[in-house]
PDB file of all heavy atoms in Angstrom:
ATOM      1  N   LYS A   1     102.828  95.903 100.862  1.00  0.00           N
ATOM      2  CA  LYS A   1     101.742  96.870 100.718  1.00  0.00           C
ATOM      3  C   LYS A   1     102.293  98.290 100.735  1.00  0.00           C
ATOM      4  O   LYS A   1     103.049  98.661 101.636  1.00  0.00           O
ATOM      5  CB  LYS A   1     100.710  96.679 101.818  1.00  0.00           C
ATOM      6  CG  LYS A   1     100.035  95.306 101.775  1.00  0.00           C
ATOM      7  CD  LYS A   1      99.060  95.123 102.913  1.00  0.00           C
ATOM      8  CE  LYS A   1      98.406  93.741 102.848  1.00  0.00           C
ATOM      9  NZ  LYS A   1      97.469  93.518 103.968  1.00  0.00           N
ATOM     10  N   ARG A   2     101.927  99.082  99.759  1.00  0.00           N
ATOM     11  CA  ARG A   2     102.396 100.449  99.644  1.00  0.00           C
ATOM     12  C   ARG A   2     101.273 101.331  99.112  1.00  0.00           C
ATOM     13  O   ARG A   2     100.390 100.865  98.393  1.00  0.00           O
ATOM     14  CB  ARG A   2     103.600 100.539  98.697  1.00  0.00           C
ATOM     15  CG  ARG A   2     104.859  99.833  99.195  1.00  0.00           C
ATOM     16  CD  ARG A   2     105.423 100.529 100.400  1.00  0.00           C
ATOM     17  NE  ARG A   2     106.663  99.944 100.883  1.00  0.00           N
ATOM     18  CZ  ARG A   2     106.745  98.994 101.804  1.00  0.00           C
ATOM     19  NH1 ARG A   2     105.627  98.511 102.350  1.00  0.00           N
ATOM     20  NH2 ARG A   2     107.915  98.530 102.200  1.00  0.00           N
ATOM     21  N   ASP A   3     101.318 102.629  99.496  1.00  0.00           N
ATOM     22  CA  ASP A   3     100.335 103.559  98.966  1.00  0.00           C
ATOM     23  C   ASP A   3     100.856 104.184  97.676  1.00  0.00           C
ATOM     24  O   ASP A   3     101.889 103.765  97.143  1.00  0.00           O
ATOM     25  CB  ASP A   3      99.977 104.619 100.012  1.00  0.00           C
ATOM     26  CG  ASP A   3     101.167 105.513 100.379  1.00  0.00           C
ATOM     27  OD1 ASP A   3     102.206 105.478  99.672  1.00  0.00           O
ATOM     28  OD2 ASP A   3     101.064 106.248 101.371  1.00  0.00           O
ATOM     29  N   GLN A   4     100.180 105.194  97.171  1.00  0.00           N
ATOM     30  CA  GLN A   4     100.547 105.793  95.898  1.00  0.00           C
ATOM     31  C   GLN A   4     101.904 106.494  95.932  1.00  0.00           C
ATOM     32  O   GLN A   4     102.495 106.771  94.889  1.00  0.00           O
ATOM     33  CB  GLN A   4      99.474 106.793  95.466  1.00  0.00           C
ATOM     34  CG  GLN A   4      99.260 107.931  96.455  1.00  0.00           C
ATOM     35  CD  GLN A   4      98.188 108.896  96.007  1.00  0.00           C
ATOM     36  OE1 GLN A   4      97.836 108.937  94.840  1.00  0.00           O
ATOM     37  NE2 GLN A   4      97.647 109.667  96.951  1.00  0.00           N
ATOM     38  N   HIS A   5     102.406 106.767  97.140  1.00  0.00           N
ATOM     39  CA  HIS A   5     103.714 107.396  97.286  1.00  0.00           C
ATOM     40  C   HIS A   5     104.783 106.393  97.724  1.00  0.00           C
ATOM     41  O   HIS A   5     105.846 106.785  98.194  1.00  0.00           O
ATOM     42  CB  HIS A   5     103.641 108.538  98.294  1.00  0.00           C
ATOM     43  CG  HIS A   5     102.646 109.598  97.936  1.00  0.00           C
ATOM     44  ND1 HIS A   5     102.793 110.429  96.844  1.00  0.00           N
ATOM     45  CD2 HIS A   5     101.466 109.939  98.522  1.00  0.00           C
ATOM     46  CE1 HIS A   5     101.755 111.256  96.771  1.00  0.00           C
ATOM     47  NE2 HIS A   5     100.937 110.975  97.779  1.00  0.00           N
ATOM     48  N   ALA A   6     104.481 105.102  97.565  1.00  0.00           N
ATOM     49  CA  ALA A   6     105.404 104.006  97.910  1.00  0.00           C
ATOM     50  C   ALA A   6     105.699 103.941  99.408  1.00  0.00           C
ATOM     51  O   ALA A   6     106.761 103.475  99.822  1.00  0.00           O
ATOM     52  CB  ALA A   6     106.705 104.123  97.117  1.00  0.00           C
ATOM     53  N   ARG A   7     104.748 104.381 100.214  1.00  0.00           N
ATOM     54  CA  ARG A   7     104.894 104.313 101.660  1.00  0.00           C
ATOM     55  C   ARG A   7     104.013 103.198 102.218  1.00  0.00           C
ATOM     56  O   ARG A   7     102.972 102.881 101.660  1.00  0.00           O
ATOM     57  CB  ARG A   7     104.488 105.642 102.305  1.00  0.00           C
ATOM     58  CG  ARG A   7     105.281 106.846 101.832  1.00  0.00           C
ATOM     59  CD  ARG A   7     104.682 108.133 102.343  1.00  0.00           C
ATOM     60  NE  ARG A   7     103.288 108.287 101.933  1.00  0.00           N
ATOM     61  CZ  ARG A   7     102.589 109.406 102.081  1.00  0.00           C
ATOM     62  NH1 ARG A   7     103.145 110.463 102.653  1.00  0.00           N
ATOM     63  NH2 ARG A   7     101.332 109.465 101.681  1.00  0.00           N
ATOM     64  N   PHE A   8     104.435 102.638 103.345  1.00  0.00           N
ATOM     65  CA  PHE A   8     103.622 101.624 104.015  1.00  0.00           C
ATOM     66  C   PHE A   8     102.394 102.295 104.616  1.00  0.00           C
ATOM     67  O   PHE A   8     102.520 103.219 105.427  1.00  0.00           O
ATOM     68  CB  PHE A   8     104.443 100.950 105.113  1.00  0.00           C
ATOM     69  CG  PHE A   8     103.676  99.914 105.902  1.00  0.00           C
ATOM     70  CD1 PHE A   8     103.404  98.676 105.363  1.00  0.00           C
ATOM     71  CD2 PHE A   8     103.230 100.191 107.190  1.00  0.00           C
ATOM     72  CE1 PHE A   8     102.700  97.720 106.092  1.00  0.00           C
ATOM     73  CE2 PHE A   8     102.531  99.253 107.929  1.00  0.00           C
ATOM     74  CZ  PHE A   8     102.265  98.014 107.363  1.00  0.00           C
ATOM     75  N   PRO A   9     101.207 101.859 104.251  1.00  0.00           N
ATOM     76  CA  PRO A   9      99.989 102.520 104.777  1.00  0.00           C
ATOM     77  C   PRO A   9      99.665 102.039 106.187  1.00  0.00           C
ATOM     78  O   PRO A   9      99.731 100.849 106.483  1.00  0.00           O
ATOM     79  CB  PRO A   9      98.909 102.085 103.781  1.00  0.00           C
ATOM     80  CG  PRO A   9      99.398 100.776 103.236  1.00  0.00           C
ATOM     81  CD  PRO A   9     100.901 100.825 103.252  1.00  0.00           C
ATOM     82  N   ASP A  10      99.302 102.972 107.050  1.00  0.00           N
ATOM     83  CA  ASP A  10      98.998 102.580 108.426  1.00  0.00           C
ATOM     84  C   ASP A  10      97.805 101.642 108.501  1.00  0.00           C
ATOM     85  O   ASP A  10      97.706 100.822 109.416  1.00  0.00           O
ATOM     86  CB  ASP A  10      98.790 103.807 109.309  1.00  0.00           C
ATOM     87  CG  ASP A  10      97.586 104.646 108.866  1.00  0.00           C
ATOM     88  OD1 ASP A  10      97.170 104.524 107.713  1.00  0.00           O
ATOM     89  OD2 ASP A  10      97.087 105.437 109.685  1.00  0.00           O
ATOM     90  N   ALA A  11      96.897 101.738 107.529  1.00  0.00           N
ATOM     91  CA  ALA A  11      95.715 100.865 107.534  1.00  0.00           C
ATOM     92  C   ALA A  11      96.095  99.393 107.372  1.00  0.00           C
ATOM     93  O   ALA A  11      95.310  98.507 107.712  1.00  0.00           O
ATOM     94  CB  ALA A  11      94.760 101.278 106.421  1.00  0.00           C
ATOM     95  N   ALA A  12      97.309  99.133 106.855  1.00  0.00           N
ATOM     96  CA  ALA A  12      97.752  97.757 106.664  1.00  0.00           C
ATOM     97  C   ALA A  12      98.485  97.202 107.875  1.00  0.00           C
ATOM     98  O   ALA A  12      98.860  96.027 107.889  1.00  0.00           O
ATOM     99  CB  ALA A  12      98.666  97.681 105.439  1.00  0.00           C
ATOM    100  N   SER A  13      98.692  98.007 108.904  1.00  0.00           N
ATOM    101  CA  SER A  13      99.486  97.576 110.054  1.00  0.00           C
ATOM    102  C   SER A  13      98.693  96.664 110.976  1.00  0.00           C
ATOM    103  O   SER A  13      97.465  96.730 111.052  1.00  0.00           O
ATOM    104  CB  SER A  13      99.983  98.789 110.837  1.00  0.00           C
ATOM    105  OG  SER A  13      98.905  99.439 111.477  1.00  0.00           O
ATOM    106  N   LEU A  14      99.417  95.840 111.699  1.00  0.00           N
ATOM    107  CA  LEU A  14      98.791  94.953 112.676  1.00  0.00           C
ATOM    108  C   LEU A  14      98.062  95.756 113.754  1.00  0.00           C
ATOM    109  O   LEU A  14      96.962  95.389 114.167  1.00  0.00           O
ATOM    110  CB  LEU A  14      99.859  94.061 113.319  1.00  0.00           C
ATOM    111  CG  LEU A  14      99.380  93.145 114.440  1.00  0.00           C
ATOM    112  CD1 LEU A  14      98.468  92.053 113.893  1.00  0.00           C
ATOM    113  CD2 LEU A  14     100.559  92.546 115.186  1.00  0.00           C
ATOM    114  N   ALA A  15      98.673  96.851 114.195  1.00  0.00           N
ATOM    115  CA  ALA A  15      98.069  97.647 115.270  1.00  0.00           C
ATOM    116  C   ALA A  15      96.700  98.182 114.883  1.00  0.00           C
ATOM    117  O   ALA A  15      95.761  98.169 115.680  1.00  0.00           O
ATOM    118  CB  ALA A  15      99.003  98.794 115.643  1.00  0.00           C
ATOM    119  N   VAL A  16      96.562  98.644 113.643  1.00  0.00           N
ATOM    120  CA  VAL A  16      95.266  99.150 113.181  1.00  0.00           C
ATOM    121  C   VAL A  16      94.284  98.000 113.005  1.00  0.00           C
ATOM    122  O   VAL A  16      93.121  98.079 113.431  1.00  0.00           O
ATOM    123  CB  VAL A  16      95.428  99.938 111.872  1.00  0.00           C
ATOM    124  CG1 VAL A  16      94.062 100.275 111.272  1.00  0.00           C
ATOM    125  CG2 VAL A  16      96.219 101.227 112.119  1.00  0.00           C
ATOM    126  N   ASN A  17      94.747  96.926 112.399  1.00  0.00           N
ATOM    127  CA  ASN A  17      93.848  95.795 112.140  1.00  0.00           C
ATOM    128  C   ASN A  17      93.346  95.150 113.426  1.00  0.00           C
ATOM    129  O   ASN A  17      92.225  94.621 113.467  1.00  0.00           O
ATOM    130  CB  ASN A  17      94.561  94.755 111.274  1.00  0.00           C
ATOM    131  CG  ASN A  17      94.787  95.245 109.854  1.00  0.00           C
ATOM    132  OD1 ASN A  17      94.030  96.079 109.347  1.00  0.00           O
ATOM    133  ND2 ASN A  17      95.837  94.768 109.205  1.00  0.00           N
ATOM    134  N   GLN A  18      94.162  95.185 114.476  1.00  0.00           N
ATOM    135  CA  GLN A  18      93.754  94.590 115.751  1.00  0.00           C
ATOM    136  C   GLN A  18      93.275  95.644 116.759  1.00  0.00           C
ATOM    137  O   GLN A  18      93.051  95.340 117.923  1.00  0.00           O
ATOM    138  CB  GLN A  18      94.916  93.790 116.349  1.00  0.00           C
ATOM    139  CG  GLN A  18      95.353  92.603 115.499  1.00  0.00           C
ATOM    140  CD  GLN A  18      94.296  91.521 115.422  1.00  0.00           C
ATOM    141  OE1 GLN A  18      93.505  91.351 116.359  1.00  0.00           O
ATOM    142  NE2 GLN A  18      94.274  90.775 114.337  1.00  0.00           N
ATOM    143  N   ASN A  19      93.173  96.881 116.296  1.00  0.00           N
ATOM    144  CA  ASN A  19      92.557  97.964 117.066  1.00  0.00           C
ATOM    145  C   ASN A  19      93.279  98.281 118.380  1.00  0.00           C
ATOM    146  O   ASN A  19      92.653  98.494 119.418  1.00  0.00           O
ATOM    147  CB  ASN A  19      91.086  97.639 117.347  1.00  0.00           C
ATOM    148  CG  ASN A  19      90.298  98.875 117.759  1.00  0.00           C
ATOM    149  OD1 ASN A  19      90.587  99.977 117.318  1.00  0.00           O
ATOM    150  ND2 ASN A  19      89.308  98.685 118.608  1.00  0.00           N
ATOM    151  N   PHE A  20      94.621  98.321 118.325  1.00  0.00           N
ATOM    152  CA  PHE A  20      95.348  98.838 119.488  1.00  0.00           C
ATOM    153  C   PHE A  20      96.295  99.957 119.074  1.00  0.00           C
ATOM    154  O   PHE A  20      97.233 100.296 119.793  1.00  0.00           O
ATOM    155  CB  PHE A  20      96.112  97.717 120.216  1.00  0.00           C
ATOM    156  CG  PHE A  20      97.208  97.045 119.426  1.00  0.00           C
ATOM    157  CD1 PHE A  20      98.502  97.550 119.439  1.00  0.00           C
ATOM    158  CD2 PHE A  20      96.951  95.895 118.690  1.00  0.00           C
ATOM    159  CE1 PHE A  20      99.519  96.927 118.740  1.00  0.00           C
ATOM    160  CE2 PHE A  20      97.957  95.267 117.977  1.00  0.00           C
ATOM    161  CZ  PHE A  20      99.249  95.789 118.004  1.00  0.00           C
ATOM    162  N   HIS A  21      96.023 100.590 117.924  1.00  0.00           N
ATOM    163  CA  HIS A  21      96.918 101.613 117.387  1.00  0.00           C
ATOM    164  C   HIS A  21      96.908 102.907 118.199  1.00  0.00           C
ATOM    165  O   HIS A  21      97.800 103.737 118.031  1.00  0.00           O
ATOM    166  CB  HIS A  21      96.560 101.915 115.927  1.00  0.00           C
ATOM    167  CG  HIS A  21      95.145 102.337 115.707  1.00  0.00           C
ATOM    168  ND1 HIS A  21      94.083 101.468 115.890  1.00  0.00           N
ATOM    169  CD2 HIS A  21      94.592 103.525 115.334  1.00  0.00           C
ATOM    170  CE1 HIS A  21      92.951 102.103 115.637  1.00  0.00           C
ATOM    171  NE2 HIS A  21      93.233 103.344 115.305  1.00  0.00           N
ATOM    172  N   GLN A  22      95.922 103.089 119.062  1.00  0.00           N
ATOM    173  CA  GLN A  22      95.893 104.288 119.896  1.00  0.00           C
ATOM    174  C   GLN A  22      96.360 104.019 121.326  1.00  0.00           C
ATOM    175  O   GLN A  22      96.168 104.847 122.213  1.00  0.00           O
ATOM    176  CB  GLN A  22      94.485 104.884 119.890  1.00  0.00           C
ATOM    177  CG  GLN A  22      94.062 105.372 118.515  1.00  0.00           C
ATOM    178  CD  GLN A  22      92.753 106.139 118.547  1.00  0.00           C
ATOM    179  OE1 GLN A  22      92.231 106.469 119.604  1.00  0.00           O
ATOM    180  NE2 GLN A  22      92.211 106.430 117.372  1.00  0.00           N
ATOM    181  N   ARG A  23      96.996 102.874 121.526  1.00  0.00           N
ATOM    182  CA  ARG A  23      97.541 102.515 122.834  1.00  0.00           C
ATOM    183  C   ARG A  23      99.072 102.564 122.780  1.00  0.00           C
ATOM    184  O   ARG A  23      99.680 102.014 121.861  1.00  0.00           O
ATOM    185  CB  ARG A  23      97.096 101.100 123.218  1.00  0.00           C
ATOM    186  CG  ARG A  23      95.601 100.937 123.450  1.00  0.00           C
ATOM    187  CD  ARG A  23      95.208 101.351 124.834  1.00  0.00           C
ATOM    188  NE  ARG A  23      95.758 100.502 125.870  1.00  0.00           N
ATOM    189  CZ  ARG A  23      95.136  99.437 126.371  1.00  0.00           C
ATOM    190  NH1 ARG A  23      93.934  99.088 125.937  1.00  0.00           N
ATOM    191  NH2 ARG A  23      95.705  98.729 127.334  1.00  0.00           N
ATOM    192  N   PRO A  24      99.723 103.189 123.749  1.00  0.00           N
ATOM    193  CA  PRO A  24     101.193 103.181 123.812  1.00  0.00           C
ATOM    194  C   PRO A  24     101.688 101.883 124.444  1.00  0.00           C
ATOM    195  O   PRO A  24     102.211 101.868 125.572  1.00  0.00           O
ATOM    196  CB  PRO A  24     101.502 104.393 124.691  1.00  0.00           C
ATOM    197  CG  PRO A  24     100.334 104.467 125.626  1.00  0.00           C
ATOM    198  CD  PRO A  24      99.133 103.989 124.833  1.00  0.00           C
ATOM    199  N   ILE A  25     101.547 100.781 123.722  1.00  0.00           N
ATOM    200  CA  ILE A  25     101.709  99.484 124.378  1.00  0.00           C
ATOM    201  C   ILE A  25     103.146  99.218 124.828  1.00  0.00           C
ATOM    202  O   ILE A  25     103.345  98.479 125.790  1.00  0.00           O
ATOM    203  CB  ILE A  25     101.181  98.319 123.506  1.00  0.00           C
ATOM    204  CG1 ILE A  25     102.022  98.115 122.255  1.00  0.00           C
ATOM    205  CG2 ILE A  25      99.742  98.519 123.141  1.00  0.00           C
ATOM    206  CD1 ILE A  25     101.699  96.818 121.553  1.00  0.00           C
ATOM    207  N   VAL A  26     104.136  99.795 124.177  1.00  0.00           N
ATOM    208  CA  VAL A  26     105.510  99.604 124.654  1.00  0.00           C
ATOM    209  C   VAL A  26     105.665 100.236 126.031  1.00  0.00           C
ATOM    210  O   VAL A  26     106.254  99.654 126.942  1.00  0.00           O
ATOM    211  CB  VAL A  26     106.520 100.181 123.650  1.00  0.00           C
ATOM    212  CG1 VAL A  26     107.925 100.181 124.246  1.00  0.00           C
ATOM    213  CG2 VAL A  26     106.499  99.373 122.354  1.00  0.00           C
ATOM    214  N   ASN A  27     105.133 101.439 126.215  1.00  0.00           N
ATOM    215  CA  ASN A  27     105.149 102.054 127.540  1.00  0.00           C
ATOM    216  C   ASN A  27     104.359 101.220 128.545  1.00  0.00           C
ATOM    217  O   ASN A  27     104.751 101.097 129.714  1.00  0.00           O
ATOM    218  CB  ASN A  27     104.567 103.463 127.473  1.00  0.00           C
ATOM    219  CG  ASN A  27     105.419 104.400 126.659  1.00  0.00           C
ATOM    220  OD1 ASN A  27     105.438 104.309 125.434  1.00  0.00           O
ATOM    221  ND2 ASN A  27     106.118 105.301 127.304  1.00  0.00           N
ATOM    222  N   GLU A  28     103.267 100.638 128.094  1.00  0.00           N
ATOM    223  CA  GLU A  28     102.468  99.800 128.994  1.00  0.00           C
ATOM    224  C   GLU A  28     103.233  98.542 129.392  1.00  0.00           C
ATOM    225  O   GLU A  28     103.113  98.076 130.533  1.00  0.00           O
ATOM    226  CB  GLU A  28     101.142  99.457 128.337  1.00  0.00           C
ATOM    227  CG  GLU A  28     100.209 100.654 128.187  1.00  0.00           C
ATOM    228  CD  GLU A  28      98.848 100.265 127.651  1.00  0.00           C
ATOM    229  OE1 GLU A  28      98.255  99.303 128.171  1.00  0.00           O
ATOM    230  OE2 GLU A  28      98.368 100.916 126.701  1.00  0.00           O
ATOM    231  N   TYR A  29     104.011  97.968 128.468  1.00  0.00           N
ATOM    232  CA  TYR A  29     104.859  96.823 128.820  1.00  0.00           C
ATOM    233  C   TYR A  29     105.874  97.234 129.880  1.00  0.00           C
ATOM    234  O   TYR A  29     106.145  96.484 130.826  1.00  0.00           O
ATOM    235  CB  TYR A  29     105.595  96.301 127.592  1.00  0.00           C
ATOM    236  CG  TYR A  29     104.734  95.670 126.529  1.00  0.00           C
ATOM    237  CD1 TYR A  29     105.076  95.774 125.184  1.00  0.00           C
ATOM    238  CD2 TYR A  29     103.586  94.955 126.850  1.00  0.00           C
ATOM    239  CE1 TYR A  29     104.314  95.192 124.192  1.00  0.00           C
ATOM    240  CE2 TYR A  29     102.804  94.372 125.867  1.00  0.00           C
ATOM    241  CZ  TYR A  29     103.180  94.500 124.530  1.00  0.00           C
ATOM    242  OH  TYR A  29     102.408  93.923 123.555  1.00  0.00           O
ATOM    243  N   ALA A  30     106.463  98.428 129.707  1.00  0.00           N
ATOM    244  CA  ALA A  30     107.454  98.901 130.674  1.00  0.00           C
ATOM    245  C   ALA A  30     106.828  99.076 132.057  1.00  0.00           C
ATOM    246  O   ALA A  30     107.417  98.669 133.073  1.00  0.00           O
ATOM    247  CB  ALA A  30     108.061 100.217 130.194  1.00  0.00           C
ATOM    248  N   PHE A  31     105.641  99.657 132.119  1.00  0.00           N
ATOM    249  CA  PHE A  31     104.990  99.853 133.414  1.00  0.00           C
ATOM    250  C   PHE A  31     104.521  98.533 134.007  1.00  0.00           C
ATOM    251  O   PHE A  31     104.461  98.382 135.229  1.00  0.00           O
ATOM    252  CB  PHE A  31     103.837 100.840 133.282  1.00  0.00           C
ATOM    253  CG  PHE A  31     104.287 102.263 133.211  1.00  0.00           C
ATOM    254  CD1 PHE A  31     104.116 103.001 132.058  1.00  0.00           C
ATOM    255  CD2 PHE A  31     104.912 102.859 134.297  1.00  0.00           C
ATOM    256  CE1 PHE A  31     104.546 104.317 131.988  1.00  0.00           C
ATOM    257  CE2 PHE A  31     105.340 104.179 134.251  1.00  0.00           C
ATOM    258  CZ  PHE A  31     105.165 104.906 133.078  1.00  0.00           C
ATOM    259  N   LEU A  32     104.184  97.566 133.158  1.00  0.00           N
ATOM    260  CA  LEU A  32     103.869  96.235 133.668  1.00  0.00           C
ATOM    261  C   LEU A  32     105.096  95.650 134.372  1.00  0.00           C
ATOM    262  O   LEU A  32     105.002  95.097 135.476  1.00  0.00           O
ATOM    263  CB  LEU A  32     103.404  95.333 132.539  1.00  0.00           C
ATOM    264  CG  LEU A  32     102.985  93.909 132.930  1.00  0.00           C
ATOM    265  CD1 LEU A  32     101.774  93.470 132.109  1.00  0.00           C
ATOM    266  CD2 LEU A  32     104.110  92.906 132.727  1.00  0.00           C
ATOM    267  N   LEU A  33     106.271  95.785 133.719  1.00  0.00           N
ATOM    268  CA  LEU A  33     107.505  95.316 134.351  1.00  0.00           C
ATOM    269  C   LEU A  33     107.768  96.054 135.656  1.00  0.00           C
ATOM    270  O   LEU A  33     108.200  95.454 136.649  1.00  0.00           O
ATOM    271  CB  LEU A  33     108.685  95.505 133.398  1.00  0.00           C
ATOM    272  CG  LEU A  33     108.937  94.415 132.355  1.00  0.00           C
ATOM    273  CD1 LEU A  33     110.124  94.794 131.479  1.00  0.00           C
ATOM    274  CD2 LEU A  33     109.181  93.071 133.028  1.00  0.00           C
ATOM    275  N   LYS A  34     107.528  97.351 135.665  1.00  0.00           N
ATOM    276  CA  LYS A  34     107.728  98.145 136.882  1.00  0.00           C
ATOM    277  C   LYS A  34     106.860  97.616 138.015  1.00  0.00           C
ATOM    278  O   LYS A  34     107.323  97.480 139.160  1.00  0.00           O
ATOM    279  CB  LYS A  34     107.390  99.609 136.601  1.00  0.00           C
ATOM    280  CG  LYS A  34     107.505 100.517 137.810  1.00  0.00           C
ATOM    281  CD  LYS A  34     107.118 101.950 137.460  1.00  0.00           C
ATOM    282  CE  LYS A  34     107.187 102.862 138.683  1.00  0.00           C
ATOM    283  NZ  LYS A  34     106.808 104.254 138.351  1.00  0.00           N
TER     284      LYS A  34
END
């Protein structure tokens, strides 16, 4: 999937489709480990 400028569109990402794109989940994984 690419946009008109041959870039991957954020709308096609898993994070957007599953509605966690505004969560810093990698940081949350780190704090879970902490």
